[in-house]
PDB file of N, CA and C in Angstrom:
ATOM      1  N   UNK A   1      -4.772-149.705   8.719  1.00  0.00           N
ATOM      2  CA  UNK A   1      -4.970-151.087   8.668  1.00  0.00           C
ATOM      3  C   UNK A   1      -6.309-151.535   9.160  1.00  0.00           C
ATOM      4  N   UNK A   2      -6.770-152.631   8.520  1.00  0.00           N
ATOM      5  CA  UNK A   2      -8.100-153.300   9.018  1.00  0.00           C
ATOM      6  C   UNK A   2      -7.666-154.141   9.821  1.00  0.00           C
ATOM      7  N   UNK A   3      -9.044-154.710  10.472  1.00  0.00           N
ATOM      8  CA  UNK A   3      -8.771-155.619  11.505  1.00  0.00           C
ATOM      9  C   UNK A   3      -8.713-156.910  10.827  1.00  0.00           C
ATOM     10  N   UNK A   4      -8.897-157.320   9.747  1.00  0.00           N
ATOM     11  CA  UNK A   4      -8.632-158.469   9.073  1.00  0.00           C
ATOM     12  C   UNK A   4      -7.031-158.748   8.572  1.00  0.00           C
ATOM     13  N   UNK A   5      -6.391-157.644   9.063  1.00  0.00           N
ATOM     14  CA  UNK A   5      -4.865-158.121   8.671  1.00  0.00           C
ATOM     15  C   UNK A   5      -3.877-157.970   9.833  1.00  0.00           C
ATOM     16  N   UNK A   6      -4.760-157.943  11.009  1.00  0.00           N
ATOM     17  CA  UNK A   6      -3.891-158.299  12.005  1.00  0.00           C
ATOM     18  C   UNK A   6      -3.318-159.841  12.361  1.00  0.00           C
ATOM     19  N   UNK A   7      -2.545-159.815  13.100  1.00  0.00           N
ATOM     20  CA  UNK A   7      -1.823-161.180  13.596  1.00  0.00           C
ATOM     21  C   UNK A   7      -2.391-161.622  14.964  1.00  0.00           C
ATOM     22  N   UNK A   8      -2.305-163.029  15.077  1.00  0.00           N
ATOM     23  CA  UNK A   8      -2.616-163.906  16.390  1.00  0.00           C
ATOM     24  C   UNK A   8      -1.578-162.999  17.415  1.00  0.00           C
ATOM     25  N   UNK A   9      -2.189-162.817  18.717  1.00  0.00           N
ATOM     26  CA  UNK A   9      -1.006-162.351  19.670  1.00  0.00           C
ATOM     27  C   UNK A   9      -0.898-160.860  19.666  1.00  0.00           C
ATOM     28  N   UNK A  10      -1.288-160.087  18.395  1.00  0.00           N
ATOM     29  CA  UNK A  10      -0.973-158.768  18.424  1.00  0.00           C
ATOM     30  C   UNK A  10      -2.308-157.901  18.911  1.00  0.00           C
ATOM     31  N   UNK A  11      -1.635-156.791  19.722  1.00  0.00           N
ATOM     32  CA  UNK A  11      -2.437-155.834  20.357  1.00  0.00           C
ATOM     33  C   UNK A  11      -2.799-154.560  19.497  1.00  0.00           C
ATOM     34  N   UNK A  12      -3.893-154.367  19.770  1.00  0.00           N
ATOM     35  CA  UNK A  12      -4.489-153.303  18.545  1.00  0.00           C
ATOM     36  C   UNK A  12      -5.300-152.109  19.165  1.00  0.00           C
ATOM     37  N   UNK A  13      -5.641-151.106  18.795  1.00  0.00           N
ATOM     38  CA  UNK A  13      -6.544-150.021  19.233  1.00  0.00           C
ATOM     39  C   UNK A  13      -7.364-150.109  18.213  1.00  0.00           C
ATOM     40  N   UNK A  14      -8.744-149.939  18.632  1.00  0.00           N
ATOM     41  CA  UNK A  14      -9.822-149.446  17.522  1.00  0.00           C
ATOM     42  C   UNK A  14      -9.641-148.077  17.118  1.00  0.00           C
ATOM     43  N   UNK A  15      -9.523-148.038  16.012  1.00  0.00           N
ATOM     44  CA  UNK A  15      -9.490-146.342  15.392  1.00  0.00           C
ATOM     45  C   UNK A  15     -11.018-145.953  14.956  1.00  0.00           C
ATOM     46  N   UNK A  16     -11.692-146.783  14.284  1.00  0.00           N
ATOM     47  CA  UNK A  16     -12.698-146.371  13.566  1.00  0.00           C
ATOM     48  C   UNK A  16     -13.802-147.791  13.157  1.00  0.00           C
ATOM     49  N   UNK A  17     -15.404-147.693  13.621  1.00  0.00           N
ATOM     50  CA  UNK A  17     -16.067-148.690  13.418  1.00  0.00           C
ATOM     51  C   UNK A  17     -17.176-147.523  12.381  1.00  0.00           C
ATOM     52  N   UNK A  18     -17.028-147.829  11.138  1.00  0.00           N
ATOM     53  CA  UNK A  18     -18.050-146.891  10.245  1.00  0.00           C
ATOM     54  C   UNK A  18     -19.412-147.138  10.113  1.00  0.00           C
ATOM     55  N   UNK A  19     -19.877-148.267  10.557  1.00  0.00           N
ATOM     56  CA  UNK A  19     -21.321-148.682  10.433  1.00  0.00           C
ATOM     57  C   UNK A  19     -21.913-148.018  11.832  1.00  0.00           C
ATOM     58  N   UNK A  20     -22.835-147.092  11.851  1.00  0.00           N
ATOM     59  CA  UNK A  20     -23.432-146.663  13.285  1.00  0.00           C
ATOM     60  C   UNK A  20     -24.135-148.074  14.148  1.00  0.00           C
ATOM     61  N   UNK A  21     -24.749-148.575  13.358  1.00  0.00           N
ATOM     62  CA  UNK A  21     -25.541-149.905  13.931  1.00  0.00           C
ATOM     63  C   UNK A  21     -24.564-150.879  14.555  1.00  0.00           C
ATOM     64  N   UNK A  22     -23.626-151.242  13.577  1.00  0.00           N
ATOM     65  CA  UNK A  22     -22.729-151.984  14.262  1.00  0.00           C
ATOM     66  C   UNK A  22     -21.828-151.418  15.589  1.00  0.00           C
ATOM     67  N   UNK A  23     -21.520-150.115  15.331  1.00  0.00           N
ATOM     68  CA  UNK A  23     -20.738-149.475  16.394  1.00  0.00           C
ATOM     69  C   UNK A  23     -21.593-149.368  17.896  1.00  0.00           C
ATOM     70  N   UNK A  24     -22.804-149.008  17.583  1.00  0.00           N
ATOM     71  CA  UNK A  24     -23.914-149.216  19.042  1.00  0.00           C
ATOM     72  C   UNK A  24     -24.092-150.721  19.543  1.00  0.00           C
ATOM     73  N   UNK A  25     -23.754-152.059  18.541  1.00  0.00           N
ATOM     74  CA  UNK A  25     -23.807-153.259  19.231  1.00  0.00           C
ATOM     75  C   UNK A  25     -22.316-153.212  19.741  1.00  0.00           C
ATOM     76  N   UNK A  26     -21.355-153.147  19.199  1.00  0.00           N
ATOM     77  CA  UNK A  26     -20.050-153.296  19.569  1.00  0.00           C
ATOM     78  C   UNK A  26     -19.764-152.636  21.215  1.00  0.00           C
ATOM     79  N   UNK A  27     -20.346-151.568  21.200  1.00  0.00           N
ATOM     80  CA  UNK A  27     -20.106-151.073  22.300  1.00  0.00           C
ATOM     81  C   UNK A  27     -20.448-151.869  23.554  1.00  0.00           C
ATOM     82  N   UNK A  28     -21.615-152.425  23.533  1.00  0.00           N
ATOM     83  CA  UNK A  28     -22.068-153.337  24.480  1.00  0.00           C
ATOM     84  C   UNK A  28     -21.009-154.639  24.799  1.00  0.00           C
ATOM     85  N   UNK A  29     -20.288-154.800  24.151  1.00  0.00           N
ATOM     86  CA  UNK A  29     -19.359-155.977  23.641  1.00  0.00           C
ATOM     87  C   UNK A  29     -17.781-155.502  24.361  1.00  0.00           C
ATOM     88  N   UNK A  30     -17.775-154.039  24.550  1.00  0.00           N
ATOM     89  CA  UNK A  30     -16.534-153.301  24.969  1.00  0.00           C
ATOM     90  C   UNK A  30     -15.611-153.120  23.818  1.00  0.00           C
ATOM     91  N   UNK A  31     -16.175-153.248  22.562  1.00  0.00           N
ATOM     92  CA  UNK A  31     -15.374-152.872  21.542  1.00  0.00           C
ATOM     93  C   UNK A  31     -15.870-151.344  20.940  1.00  0.00           C
ATOM     94  N   UNK A  32     -14.811-150.415  20.923  1.00  0.00           N
ATOM     95  CA  UNK A  32     -15.221-149.028  20.711  1.00  0.00           C
ATOM     96  C   UNK A  32     -14.238-148.402  20.311  1.00  0.00           C
ATOM     97  N   UNK A  33     -14.174-147.053  19.816  1.00  0.00           N
ATOM     98  CA  UNK A  33     -13.121-146.517  19.138  1.00  0.00           C
ATOM     99  C   UNK A  33     -12.154-146.158  20.309  1.00  0.00           C
ATOM    100  N   UNK A  34     -11.004-146.549  20.369  1.00  0.00           N
ATOM    101  CA  UNK A  34     -10.067-146.206  21.340  1.00  0.00           C
ATOM    102  C   UNK A  34      -9.658-147.320  22.405  1.00  0.00           C
ATOM    103  N   UNK A  35     -10.805-148.670  22.210  1.00  0.00           N
ATOM    104  CA  UNK A  35     -10.430-149.666  22.974  1.00  0.00           C
ATOM    105  C   UNK A  35      -9.150-150.489  22.516  1.00  0.00           C
ATOM    106  N   UNK A  36      -8.317-150.861  23.566  1.00  0.00           N
ATOM    107  CA  UNK A  36      -7.226-151.553  23.293  1.00  0.00           C
ATOM    108  C   UNK A  36      -7.365-153.147  23.586  1.00  0.00           C
ATOM    109  N   UNK A  37      -7.377-154.003  22.439  1.00  0.00           N
ATOM    110  CA  UNK A  37      -7.718-155.086  22.470  1.00  0.00           C
ATOM    111  C   UNK A  37      -6.517-156.130  21.882  1.00  0.00           C
ATOM    112  N   UNK A  38      -6.589-157.796  22.135  1.00  0.00           N
ATOM    113  CA  UNK A  38      -5.680-158.367  21.773  1.00  0.00           C
ATOM    114  C   UNK A  38      -6.225-159.219  20.783  1.00  0.00           C
ATOM    115  N   UNK A  39      -5.760-159.816  19.839  1.00  0.00           N
ATOM    116  CA  UNK A  39      -6.351-160.851  18.797  1.00  0.00           C
ATOM    117  C   UNK A  39      -5.668-161.999  19.299  1.00  0.00           C
ATOM    118  N   UNK A  40      -6.751-163.013  19.796  1.00  0.00           N
ATOM    119  CA  UNK A  40      -6.766-164.044  20.694  1.00  0.00           C
ATOM    120  C   UNK A  40      -6.488-165.243  19.389  1.00  0.00           C
ATOM    121  N   UNK A  41      -7.260-165.176  18.318  1.00  0.00           N
ATOM    122  CA  UNK A  41      -7.085-166.112  17.393  1.00  0.00           C
ATOM    123  C   UNK A  41      -7.772-165.559  16.129  1.00  0.00           C
ATOM    124  N   UNK A  42      -6.917-166.000  14.929  1.00  0.00           N
ATOM    125  CA  UNK A  42      -7.714-165.572  13.688  1.00  0.00           C
ATOM    126  C   UNK A  42      -7.580-166.959  12.744  1.00  0.00           C
ATOM    127  N   UNK A  43      -8.974-167.428  12.419  1.00  0.00           N
ATOM    128  CA  UNK A  43      -9.174-168.638  11.695  1.00  0.00           C
ATOM    129  C   UNK A  43      -9.039-168.275  10.420  1.00  0.00           C
ATOM    130  N   UNK A  44      -8.374-169.055   9.665  1.00  0.00           N
ATOM    131  CA  UNK A  44      -8.247-168.827   8.181  1.00  0.00           C
ATOM    132  C   UNK A  44      -9.412-168.763   7.659  1.00  0.00           C
ATOM    133  N   UNK A  45      -9.791-167.651   6.575  1.00  0.00           N
ATOM    134  CA  UNK A  45     -11.133-167.677   5.985  1.00  0.00           C
ATOM    135  C   UNK A  45     -12.382-167.682   7.040  1.00  0.00           C
ATOM    136  N   UNK A  46     -11.942-167.107   8.155  1.00  0.00           N
ATOM    137  CA  UNK A  46     -13.271-167.238   9.230  1.00  0.00           C
ATOM    138  C   UNK A  46     -12.895-165.940   9.920  1.00  0.00           C
ATOM    139  N   UNK A  47     -13.487-165.933  11.002  1.00  0.00           N
ATOM    140  CA  UNK A  47     -13.496-164.889  12.213  1.00  0.00           C
ATOM    141  C   UNK A  47     -11.988-164.648  12.551  1.00  0.00           C
ATOM    142  N   UNK A  48     -12.119-163.410  13.175  1.00  0.00           N
ATOM    143  CA  UNK A  48     -11.080-162.986  14.044  1.00  0.00           C
ATOM    144  C   UNK A  48     -11.462-162.787  15.493  1.00  0.00           C
ATOM    145  N   UNK A  49     -10.844-163.364  16.312  1.00  0.00           N
ATOM    146  CA  UNK A  49     -11.509-163.666  17.728  1.00  0.00           C
ATOM    147  C   UNK A  49     -10.471-162.368  18.597  1.00  0.00           C
ATOM    148  N   UNK A  50     -11.153-161.764  19.019  1.00  0.00           N
ATOM    149  CA  UNK A  50     -10.405-160.590  19.948  1.00  0.00           C
ATOM    150  C   UNK A  50     -10.907-161.035  21.412  1.00  0.00           C
ATOM    151  N   UNK A  51      -9.720-160.633  22.176  1.00  0.00           N
ATOM    152  CA  UNK A  51      -9.912-160.918  23.479  1.00  0.00           C
ATOM    153  C   UNK A  51      -9.937-159.383  24.311  1.00  0.00           C
ATOM    154  N   UNK A  52     -10.955-159.182  25.111  1.00  0.00           N
ATOM    155  CA  UNK A  52     -11.123-158.084  25.809  1.00  0.00           C
ATOM    156  C   UNK A  52     -11.233-158.539  27.277  1.00  0.00           C
ATOM    157  N   UNK A  53     -10.025-158.212  28.065  1.00  0.00           N
ATOM    158  CA  UNK A  53      -9.875-158.890  29.186  1.00  0.00           C
ATOM    159  C   UNK A  53     -10.042-160.248  29.331  1.00  0.00           C
ATOM    160  N   UNK A  54     -11.095-160.772  29.851  1.00  0.00           N
ATOM    161  CA  UNK A  54     -11.442-162.039  29.964  1.00  0.00           C
ATOM    162  C   UNK A  54     -12.462-162.446  29.051  1.00  0.00           C
ATOM    163  N   UNK A  55     -12.829-161.688  28.087  1.00  0.00           N
ATOM    164  CA  UNK A  55     -13.977-162.034  27.199  1.00  0.00           C
ATOM    165  C   UNK A  55     -13.459-162.346  25.628  1.00  0.00           C
ATOM    166  N   UNK A  56     -13.989-163.191  25.083  1.00  0.00           N
ATOM    167  CA  UNK A  56     -13.408-163.522  23.709  1.00  0.00           C
ATOM    168  C   UNK A  56     -14.745-163.300  22.748  1.00  0.00           C
ATOM    169  N   UNK A  57     -14.447-162.390  21.731  1.00  0.00           N
ATOM    170  CA  UNK A  57     -15.548-161.715  20.953  1.00  0.00           C
ATOM    171  C   UNK A  57     -15.056-162.277  19.404  1.00  0.00           C
ATOM    172  N   UNK A  58     -15.713-162.971  18.610  1.00  0.00           N
ATOM    173  CA  UNK A  58     -15.592-163.443  17.020  1.00  0.00           C
ATOM    174  C   UNK A  58     -16.144-162.220  16.406  1.00  0.00           C
ATOM    175  N   UNK A  59     -15.293-161.827  15.365  1.00  0.00           N
ATOM    176  CA  UNK A  59     -15.525-160.815  14.250  1.00  0.00           C
ATOM    177  C   UNK A  59     -15.515-161.379  13.126  1.00  0.00           C
ATOM    178  N   UNK A  60     -16.767-161.678  12.541  1.00  0.00           N
ATOM    179  CA  UNK A  60     -16.753-162.198  10.889  1.00  0.00           C
ATOM    180  C   UNK A  60     -15.834-161.620  10.031  1.00  0.00           C
ATOM    181  N   UNK A  61     -15.124-161.911   9.393  1.00  0.00           N
ATOM    182  CA  UNK A  61     -14.242-161.454   8.229  1.00  0.00           C
ATOM    183  C   UNK A  61     -14.416-160.211   7.406  1.00  0.00           C
ATOM    184  N   UNK A  62     -15.700-160.322   6.772  1.00  0.00           N
ATOM    185  CA  UNK A  62     -15.994-159.407   5.999  1.00  0.00           C
ATOM    186  C   UNK A  62     -16.483-158.161   7.010  1.00  0.00           C
ATOM    187  N   UNK A  63     -17.086-158.229   8.387  1.00  0.00           N
ATOM    188  CA  UNK A  63     -16.982-156.995   9.282  1.00  0.00           C
ATOM    189  C   UNK A  63     -15.480-156.685   9.824  1.00  0.00           C
ATOM    190  N   UNK A  64     -14.854-157.449   9.747  1.00  0.00           N
ATOM    191  CA  UNK A  64     -13.545-156.966  10.089  1.00  0.00           C
ATOM    192  C   UNK A  64     -12.801-156.178   8.858  1.00  0.00           C
ATOM    193  N   UNK A  65     -13.357-156.384   7.900  1.00  0.00           N
ATOM    194  CA  UNK A  65     -12.457-155.542   6.679  1.00  0.00           C
ATOM    195  C   UNK A  65     -12.906-154.095   6.675  1.00  0.00           C
ATOM    196  N   UNK A  66     -13.838-153.823   7.480  1.00  0.00           N
ATOM    197  CA  UNK A  66     -14.570-152.677   7.570  1.00  0.00           C
ATOM    198  C   UNK A  66     -13.950-151.800   8.557  1.00  0.00           C
ATOM    199  N   UNK A  67     -13.256-152.200   9.767  1.00  0.00           N
ATOM    200  CA  UNK A  67     -12.878-151.750  11.100  1.00  0.00           C
ATOM    201  C   UNK A  67     -11.380-151.305  11.149  1.00  0.00           C
ATOM    202  N   UNK A  68     -11.322-150.050  11.401  1.00  0.00           N
ATOM    203  CA  UNK A  68      -9.901-149.463  11.193  1.00  0.00           C
ATOM    204  C   UNK A  68      -9.315-149.617  12.545  1.00  0.00           C
ATOM    205  N   UNK A  69      -7.977-149.964  12.387  1.00  0.00           N
ATOM    206  CA  UNK A  69      -7.222-150.530  14.053  1.00  0.00           C
ATOM    207  C   UNK A  69      -5.991-149.860  13.497  1.00  0.00           C
ATOM    208  N   UNK A  70      -5.284-149.969  14.802  1.00  0.00           N
ATOM    209  CA  UNK A  70      -3.622-149.478  14.622  1.00  0.00           C
ATOM    210  C   UNK A  70      -3.113-150.478  15.654  1.00  0.00           C
ATOM    211  N   UNK A  71      -2.061-150.994  15.170  1.00  0.00           N
ATOM    212  CA  UNK A  71      -1.042-151.895  16.041  1.00  0.00           C
ATOM    213  C   UNK A  71      -0.304-151.170  17.131  1.00  0.00           C
ATOM    214  N   UNK A  72      -0.238-151.820  18.183  1.00  0.00           N
ATOM    215  CA  UNK A  72       0.202-151.354  19.404  1.00  0.00           C
ATOM    216  C   UNK A  72       1.653-151.969  19.716  1.00  0.00           C
TER     217      UNK A  72
END
C-alpha cells in the first residue's frame, strides 16, 4: 500500500522510500524505513500530514504515492 491510501488516525510503518534524495531528507525529520507514524490528517487532494511523536510533517500527495507503507 502507498502513503496516499491511508486514512486519518491510522498507524503505519514506512516500508520503502524509493528516491535516495528524498530518503536522506526524510531521515532528518524522523521518517525512515521501519519508522512507525500516525496519520494526523489527510487533506482532500492535498498533503498527508504524519505525526511523529509531537512533530507533524506534511507530505505532498504526489510524493505520498511513491512511499510504500504497512498498516499496523
